[in-house]
C-alpha atoms as a PDB file:
ATOM      1  CA  MET A   1      39.397-114.388  56.494  1.00  0.00           C
ATOM      2  CA  ALA A   2      36.284-115.325  58.228  1.00  0.00           C
ATOM      3  CA  ALA A   3      32.957-116.244  56.502  1.00  0.00           C
ATOM      4  CA  ALA A   4      31.172-113.483  58.183  1.00  0.00           C
ATOM      5  CA  SER A   5      34.175-110.812  57.376  1.00  0.00           C
ATOM      6  CA  ARG A   6      33.772-112.098  53.640  1.00  0.00           C
ATOM      7  CA  ALA A   7      29.878-111.688  53.599  1.00  0.00           C
ATOM      8  CA  ARG A   8      30.488-108.100  54.356  1.00  0.00           C
ATOM      9  CA  GLY A   9      33.054-107.139  51.748  1.00  0.00           C
ATOM     10  CA  GLY A  10      36.066-108.127  53.605  1.00  0.00           C
ATOM     11  CA  PRO A  11      38.323-105.317  55.509  1.00  0.00           C
ATOM     12  CA  ALA A  12      36.492-102.628  54.014  1.00  0.00           C
ATOM     13  CA  GLY A  13      33.133-104.076  54.148  1.00  0.00           C
ATOM     14  CA  GLN A  14      33.642-104.126  57.761  1.00  0.00           C
ATOM     15  CA  LEU A  15      33.474-100.883  58.091  1.00  0.00           C
ATOM     16  CA  CYS A  16      30.708-100.452  55.327  1.00  0.00           C
ATOM     17  CA  HIS A  17      28.485-102.995  57.338  1.00  0.00           C
ATOM     18  CA  SER A  18      26.495-103.736  54.215  1.00  0.00           C
ATOM     19  CA  GLY A  19      29.483-104.376  52.114  1.00  0.00           C
ATOM     20  CA  ILE A  20      31.552-102.390  49.320  1.00  0.00           C
ATOM     21  CA  PRO A  21      28.639-100.261  47.468  1.00  0.00           C
ATOM     22  CA  LYS A  22      27.925-100.473  43.856  1.00  0.00           C
ATOM     23  CA  PRO A  23      28.547 -97.688  41.534  1.00  0.00           C
ATOM     24  CA  GLY A  24      25.784 -95.252  42.021  1.00  0.00           C
ATOM     25  CA  GLU A  25      25.285 -96.345  45.845  1.00  0.00           C
ATOM     26  CA  ARG A  26      25.851 -94.496  48.954  1.00  0.00           C
ATOM     27  CA  ILE A  27      28.160 -96.077  51.662  1.00  0.00           C
ATOM     28  CA  LYS A  28      26.544 -96.997  54.703  1.00  0.00           C
ATOM     29  CA  ALA A  29      29.453 -96.562  57.294  1.00  0.00           C
ATOM     30  CA  ARG A  30      29.885 -96.201  60.467  1.00  0.00           C
ATOM     31  CA  ILE A  31      32.122 -93.180  61.188  1.00  0.00           C
ATOM     32  CA  GLY A  32      30.450 -91.366  64.175  1.00  0.00           C
ATOM     33  CA  PRO A  33      31.006 -87.795  63.728  1.00  0.00           C
ATOM     34  CA  ASN A  34      30.306 -85.838  67.002  1.00  0.00           C
ATOM     35  CA  LEU A  35      30.096 -82.064  67.857  1.00  0.00           C
ATOM     36  CA  PHE A  36      30.146 -81.122  71.802  1.00  0.00           C
ATOM     37  CA  THR A  37      29.469 -77.506  72.694  1.00  0.00           C
ATOM     38  CA  LYS A  38      29.641 -75.360  76.004  1.00  0.00           C
ATOM     39  CA  ASN A  39      27.585 -72.075  76.434  1.00  0.00           C
ATOM     40  CA  GLY A  40      26.876 -72.543  72.337  1.00  0.00           C
ATOM     41  CA  LYS A  41      30.323 -72.891  71.304  1.00  0.00           C
ATOM     42  CA  PRO A  42      31.927 -75.724  69.854  1.00  0.00           C
ATOM     43  CA  VAL A  43      34.123 -77.530  72.222  1.00  0.00           C
ATOM     44  CA  LEU A  44      34.928 -80.692  70.826  1.00  0.00           C
ATOM     45  CA  MET A  45      34.523 -81.776  67.284  1.00  0.00           C
ATOM     46  CA  SER A  46      35.542 -85.732  66.658  1.00  0.00           C
ATOM     47  CA  GLY A  47      34.905 -88.558  64.531  1.00  0.00           C
ATOM     48  CA  SER A  48      35.937 -92.481  64.502  1.00  0.00           C
ATOM     49  CA  PRO A  49      35.770 -94.705  61.204  1.00  0.00           C
ATOM     50  CA  SER A  50      36.012 -98.192  63.349  1.00  0.00           C
ATOM     51  CA  VAL A  51      34.238-100.902  64.917  1.00  0.00           C
ATOM     52  CA  GLY A  52      34.793 -99.672  68.606  1.00  0.00           C
ATOM     53  CA  LEU A  53      33.627 -96.234  67.551  1.00  0.00           C
ATOM     54  CA  VAL A  54      30.935 -95.894  70.251  1.00  0.00           C
ATOM     55  CA  GLU A  55      33.376 -97.100  72.892  1.00  0.00           C
ATOM     56  CA  ASN A  56      36.367 -94.976  72.202  1.00  0.00           C
ATOM     57  CA  ILE A  57      34.181 -91.720  71.469  1.00  0.00           C
ATOM     58  CA  VAL A  58      32.696 -92.092  75.102  1.00  0.00           C
ATOM     59  CA  GLN A  59      36.154 -93.062  76.569  1.00  0.00           C
ATOM     60  CA  VAL A  60      38.073 -90.063  74.868  1.00  0.00           C
ATOM     61  CA  SER A  61      35.368 -87.483  75.148  1.00  0.00           C
ATOM     62  CA  THR A  62      34.869 -88.420  79.021  1.00  0.00           C
ATOM     63  CA  SER A  63      38.778 -87.707  79.653  1.00  0.00           C
ATOM     64  CA  LEU A  64      38.587 -84.755  77.599  1.00  0.00           C
ATOM     65  CA  LEU A  65      35.663 -83.114  79.180  1.00  0.00           C
ATOM     66  CA  ASP A  66      35.200 -84.553  82.435  1.00  0.00           C
ATOM     67  CA  PHE A  67      38.884 -85.268  83.445  1.00  0.00           C
ATOM     68  CA  ASP A  68      40.446 -82.333  81.890  1.00  0.00           C
ATOM     69  CA  MET A  69      43.134 -84.284  80.088  1.00  0.00           C
ATOM     70  CA  ASN A  70      44.422 -82.574  77.029  1.00  0.00           C
ATOM     71  CA  ILE A  71      43.286 -84.237  73.728  1.00  0.00           C
ATOM     72  CA  GLU A  72      46.715 -85.939  73.323  1.00  0.00           C
ATOM     73  CA  GLU A  73      46.880 -87.413  76.537  1.00  0.00           C
ATOM     74  CA  ALA A  74      43.187 -88.645  76.187  1.00  0.00           C
ATOM     75  CA  VAL A  75      43.763 -90.356  72.803  1.00  0.00           C
ATOM     76  CA  HIS A  76      46.602 -92.327  74.102  1.00  0.00           C
ATOM     77  CA  GLN A  77      44.851 -93.596  77.200  1.00  0.00           C
ATOM     78  CA  PRO A  78      44.656 -97.372  77.292  1.00  0.00           C
ATOM     79  CA  ARG A  79      40.952 -98.398  76.170  1.00  0.00           C
ATOM     80  CA  PHE A  80      38.257-101.350  76.225  1.00  0.00           C
ATOM     81  CA  GLY A  81      35.356-102.029  74.422  1.00  0.00           C
ATOM     82  CA  SER A  82      35.328-103.594  71.095  1.00  0.00           C
ATOM     83  CA  ALA A  83      34.318-107.270  70.982  1.00  0.00           C
ATOM     84  CA  TRP A  84      34.603-107.698  67.149  1.00  0.00           C
ATOM     85  CA  GLY A  85      37.061-110.637  66.740  1.00  0.00           C
ATOM     86  CA  ALA A  86      37.154-111.660  70.592  1.00  0.00           C
ATOM     87  CA  LYS A  87      37.811-115.451  70.459  1.00  0.00           C
ATOM     88  CA  VAL A  88      36.154-115.597  74.171  1.00  0.00           C
ATOM     89  CA  PRO A  89      32.057-115.454  73.566  1.00  0.00           C
ATOM     90  CA  GLY A  90      30.934-112.663  75.640  1.00  0.00           C
ATOM     91  CA  ALA A  91      34.358-110.990  76.014  1.00  0.00           C
ATOM     92  CA  PHE A  92      35.228-107.471  75.019  1.00  0.00           C
ATOM     93  CA  PHE A  93      38.846-106.440  74.611  1.00  0.00           C
ATOM     94  CA  VAL A  94      41.100-104.553  76.642  1.00  0.00           C
ATOM     95  CA  GLU A  95      44.261-103.012  75.784  1.00  0.00           C
ATOM     96  CA  GLY A  96      47.570-104.675  77.539  1.00  0.00           C
ATOM     97  CA  HIS A  97      48.575-101.392  79.123  1.00  0.00           C
ATOM     98  CA  MET A  98      45.537-100.803  81.043  1.00  0.00           C
ATOM     99  CA  ASP A  99      46.038 -99.919  84.514  1.00  0.00           C
ATOM    100  CA  LYS A 100      46.679-103.019  86.469  1.00  0.00           C
ATOM    101  CA  SER A 101      43.675-101.701  89.172  1.00  0.00           C
ATOM    102  CA  VAL A 102      41.183-102.006  86.397  1.00  0.00           C
ATOM    103  CA  LEU A 103      42.110-105.286  85.509  1.00  0.00           C
ATOM    104  CA  ASP A 104      42.123-106.359  89.277  1.00  0.00           C
ATOM    105  CA  TYR A 105      38.368-105.039  89.213  1.00  0.00           C
ATOM    106  CA  LEU A 106      37.275-106.744  86.100  1.00  0.00           C
ATOM    107  CA  ASN A 107      38.748-109.675  87.495  1.00  0.00           C
ATOM    108  CA  LYS A 108      37.426-109.577  90.852  1.00  0.00           C
ATOM    109  CA  HIS A 109      33.834-109.313  89.198  1.00  0.00           C
ATOM    110  CA  ASP A 110      34.360-112.090  86.537  1.00  0.00           C
ATOM    111  CA  ALA A 111      34.381-110.092  83.440  1.00  0.00           C
ATOM    112  CA  LYS A 112      34.991-111.603  80.353  1.00  0.00           C
ATOM    113  CA  TYR A 113      37.625-109.801  78.595  1.00  0.00           C
ATOM    114  CA  GLN A 114      40.481-110.513  76.432  1.00  0.00           C
ATOM    115  CA  LEU A 115      43.840-108.690  76.493  1.00  0.00           C
ATOM    116  CA  GLN A 116      45.184-107.340  73.326  1.00  0.00           C
ATOM    117  CA  ASN A 117      48.223-105.467  72.233  1.00  0.00           C
ATOM    118  CA  PRO A 118      48.522-101.917  73.310  1.00  0.00           C
ATOM    119  CA  TRP A 119      46.961 -98.955  70.790  1.00  0.00           C
ATOM    120  CA  ASN A 120      45.087-101.748  69.101  1.00  0.00           C
ATOM    121  CA  TRP A 121      43.170-100.800  65.928  1.00  0.00           C
ATOM    122  CA  SER A 122      40.047-102.521  66.855  1.00  0.00           C
ATOM    123  CA  ASN A 123      39.403-100.351  69.956  1.00  0.00           C
ATOM    124  CA  GLY A 124      38.687 -97.376  67.679  1.00  0.00           C
ATOM    125  CA  SER A 125      40.507 -94.394  66.072  1.00  0.00           C
ATOM    126  CA  PHE A 126      39.721 -91.147  67.518  1.00  0.00           C
ATOM    127  CA  ASP A 127      40.427 -88.138  65.622  1.00  0.00           C
ATOM    128  CA  GLY A 128      39.600 -84.513  66.601  1.00  0.00           C
ATOM    129  CA  ILE A 129      39.840 -81.122  67.530  1.00  0.00           C
ATOM    130  CA  TYR A 130      39.508 -79.693  71.132  1.00  0.00           C
ATOM    131  CA  PHE A 131      39.114 -76.096  72.083  1.00  0.00           C
ATOM    132  CA  ASP A 132      40.794 -75.160  75.332  1.00  0.00           C
ATOM    133  CA  GLU A 133      39.113 -72.095  77.779  1.00  0.00           C
ATOM    134  CA  SER A 134      41.277 -69.613  75.900  1.00  0.00           C
ATOM    135  CA  GLY A 135      39.580 -70.677  72.442  1.00  0.00           C
ATOM    136  CA  LEU A 136      42.956 -72.268  71.015  1.00  0.00           C
ATOM    137  CA  ALA A 137      42.485 -75.375  68.946  1.00  0.00           C
ATOM    138  CA  HIS A 138      44.320 -78.610  69.539  1.00  0.00           C
ATOM    139  CA  ALA A 139      44.238 -81.642  67.258  1.00  0.00           C
ATOM    140  CA  CYS A 140      45.064 -85.184  67.559  1.00  0.00           C
ATOM    141  CA  GLY A 141      45.024 -88.245  65.149  1.00  0.00           C
ATOM    142  CA  ASP A 142      44.907 -91.700  66.826  1.00  0.00           C
ATOM    143  CA  PRO A 143      48.233 -93.624  66.589  1.00  0.00           C
ATOM    144  CA  ARG A 144      45.963 -96.976  66.508  1.00  0.00           C
ATOM    145  CA  ARG A 145      45.437 -96.241  62.873  1.00  0.00           C
ATOM    146  CA  SER A 146      48.445 -93.866  61.961  1.00  0.00           C
ATOM    147  CA  ALA A 147      45.562 -90.952  61.793  1.00  0.00           C
ATOM    148  CA  GLN A 148      46.757 -87.308  61.682  1.00  0.00           C
ATOM    149  CA  ALA A 149      44.689 -84.383  62.783  1.00  0.00           C
ATOM    150  CA  PHE A 150      45.604 -80.554  62.337  1.00  0.00           C
ATOM    151  CA  ALA A 151      44.124 -77.522  64.153  1.00  0.00           C
ATOM    152  CA  LEU A 152      44.601 -74.244  62.200  1.00  0.00           C
END
């Protein structure tokens, strides 16, 4: 385990940034809860307990809201973003099943990135509920962290 990881309290401390709280203290965790509305009604509610939470919330929400994917399709798309643990300074991670045209674009522009296995936990865990145009709820938990989500 790296010294920086130990200083934050190990794997659990990585989520809690300031380490594991002492009895009576609050957790300072990044979970990224969010709510999108349309015409005053909820459309998407989600969160992410991960080091890549900002990147994955933006990517999955954009796929859902701007590209009309269903929630499972959006959650299962290849992701990029997190730089936590990258071996190349200044690089970000790209999941290995990313479309070749994206990798070609990154290479053409000399982007620093590091390929990682598909569905890697460090690129987030998007867990959410999406309401379609008819108001029917659809849920998806991210397989990157063995999550589950249910819409009732």
